[in-house]
């Protein structure tokens, strides 16, 4: 798999409740992340992803764009906690070393009910 495919597979596995497998397959032992809501280690984030999948079993995660620049991959997605949820626009930035994810940033913006911009968020 190339880095874009690894990023896609990692995020899809994590969103669908398979975070242990996602981390086992794709994350470096030296992994760190920058989500301000959790400690910066792999175990904490993996368990939070697992809990989110358990709490929201009908979660929908749709990837719209994947960009690669050197050792960085950016993924622009639509995340809905349930089919009726409006959701969030999310960007994950994954840093790679030797085809393993070593660092992760995630940024989210709630999708407003009444979008002013006629182009939408995707």
Protein backbone atom coordinates (compact mmCIF):
# COMPACT_ATOMS: atom_id res chain seq x y z
CA UNK A 1 0.00 0.00 0.00
CA UNK A 2 1.14 3.53 -0.68
CA UNK A 3 0.84 6.23 1.99
CA UNK A 4 -2.52 7.51 0.74
CA UNK A 5 -3.92 3.98 0.88
CA UNK A 6 -2.48 3.46 4.36
CA UNK A 7 -4.05 6.73 5.57
CA UNK A 8 -7.42 5.74 4.07
CA UNK A 9 -7.28 2.25 5.57
CA UNK A 10 -6.20 3.52 8.99
CA UNK A 11 -9.01 6.08 9.23
CA UNK A 12 -11.69 3.75 7.84
CA UNK A 13 -10.71 0.99 10.28
CA UNK A 14 -10.66 3.39 13.23
CA UNK A 15 -14.02 4.97 12.33
CA UNK A 16 -15.67 1.56 11.94
CA UNK A 17 -14.66 0.29 15.38
CA UNK A 18 -11.45 -1.49 14.46
CA UNK A 19 -8.99 0.92 16.04
CA UNK A 20 -6.81 -1.85 17.52
CA UNK A 21 -6.29 -3.31 14.06
CA UNK A 22 -5.73 0.16 12.56
CA UNK A 23 -3.01 0.94 15.09
CA UNK A 24 -1.45 -2.53 14.86
CA UNK A 25 -1.18 -2.35 11.08
CA UNK A 26 -0.29 1.26 10.47
CA UNK A 27 1.09 3.08 13.52
CA UNK A 28 4.71 3.38 14.59
CA UNK A 29 5.70 2.63 18.20
CA UNK A 30 6.92 6.26 18.31
CA UNK A 31 3.46 7.61 17.42
CA UNK A 32 2.18 10.86 18.88
CA UNK A 33 -0.88 12.96 18.14
CA UNK A 34 -2.11 16.52 18.69
CA UNK A 35 -5.81 16.17 19.55
CA UNK A 36 -6.30 18.64 22.42
CA UNK A 37 -8.98 16.48 24.08
CA UNK A 38 -6.70 13.50 24.84
CA UNK A 39 -3.22 12.67 26.07
CA UNK A 40 -0.76 12.54 23.17
CA UNK A 41 -0.01 8.79 23.13
CA UNK A 42 -1.26 6.06 20.81
CA UNK A 43 -3.05 4.00 23.49
CA UNK A 44 -5.22 6.90 24.68
CA UNK A 45 -6.27 7.86 21.15
CA UNK A 46 -6.89 4.26 20.12
CA UNK A 47 -9.19 3.69 23.12
CA UNK A 48 -11.03 6.98 22.45
CA UNK A 49 -11.61 5.92 18.83
CA UNK A 50 -12.87 2.55 20.04
CA UNK A 51 -15.25 4.20 22.52
CA UNK A 52 -16.54 6.58 19.83
CA UNK A 53 -17.31 3.64 17.54
CA UNK A 54 -19.05 1.78 20.36
CA UNK A 55 -21.10 4.87 21.33
CA UNK A 56 -21.94 5.67 17.69
CA UNK A 57 -22.32 2.29 15.95
CA UNK A 58 -23.99 3.86 12.88
CA UNK A 59 -21.19 6.36 12.29
CA UNK A 60 -20.61 7.41 8.69
CA UNK A 61 -17.12 8.41 7.59
CA UNK A 62 -16.77 9.52 3.98
CA UNK A 63 -13.43 10.59 2.54
CA UNK A 64 -13.62 13.32 -0.11
CA UNK A 65 -9.96 14.17 -0.78
CA UNK A 66 -6.55 12.70 -0.01
CA UNK A 67 -3.41 14.72 -0.70
CA UNK A 68 0.21 13.65 -0.32
CA UNK A 69 3.25 15.88 0.05
CA UNK A 70 6.50 14.16 0.95
CA UNK A 71 6.01 12.33 4.24
CA UNK A 72 2.64 14.00 4.94
CA UNK A 73 -0.84 12.88 3.89
CA UNK A 74 -3.92 15.07 4.40
CA UNK A 75 -7.41 13.55 4.36
CA UNK A 76 -10.54 15.75 4.01
CA UNK A 77 -13.63 13.90 5.22
CA UNK A 78 -17.25 14.13 6.28
CA UNK A 79 -17.91 12.52 9.66
CA UNK A 80 -21.45 11.84 10.85
CA UNK A 81 -22.11 10.17 14.21
CA UNK A 82 -25.43 8.81 12.86
CA UNK A 83 -27.26 8.82 9.51
CA UNK A 84 -29.42 11.80 10.62
CA UNK A 85 -26.48 13.84 11.99
CA UNK A 86 -25.36 16.81 9.85
CA UNK A 87 -21.81 16.08 10.96
CA UNK A 88 -18.39 17.65 10.74
CA UNK A 89 -15.92 18.47 8.03
CA UNK A 90 -12.68 16.89 9.26
CA UNK A 91 -9.08 17.12 8.12
CA UNK A 92 -6.54 14.56 9.33
CA UNK A 93 -2.87 15.20 8.68
CA UNK A 94 -0.73 12.10 9.03
CA UNK A 95 3.07 12.14 9.12
CA UNK A 96 4.84 8.99 7.93
CA UNK A 97 8.20 7.38 8.50
CA UNK A 98 8.96 4.08 6.73
CA UNK A 99 5.28 3.67 5.76
CA UNK A 100 4.12 3.88 9.40
CA UNK A 101 2.16 6.77 10.87
CA UNK A 102 4.35 8.58 13.40
CA UNK A 103 2.26 11.71 14.00
CA UNK A 104 -1.36 12.78 13.60
CA UNK A 105 -3.25 16.07 13.65
CA UNK A 106 -7.04 16.24 13.35
CA UNK A 107 -9.14 19.35 12.85
CA UNK A 108 -12.92 19.49 12.69
CA UNK A 109 -15.56 22.05 11.83
CA UNK A 110 -19.26 21.45 12.55
CA UNK A 111 -21.43 21.71 9.47
CA UNK A 112 -24.05 24.41 10.09
CA UNK A 113 -27.70 23.59 9.52
CA UNK A 114 -28.08 26.59 7.24
CA UNK A 115 -24.95 26.87 5.11
CA UNK A 116 -24.48 30.33 3.64
CA UNK A 117 -21.83 29.25 1.14
CA UNK A 118 -23.48 27.88 -1.99
CA UNK A 119 -20.45 25.63 -2.65
CA UNK A 120 -20.93 23.62 0.55
CA UNK A 121 -18.08 22.17 2.59
CA UNK A 122 -17.13 19.35 0.24
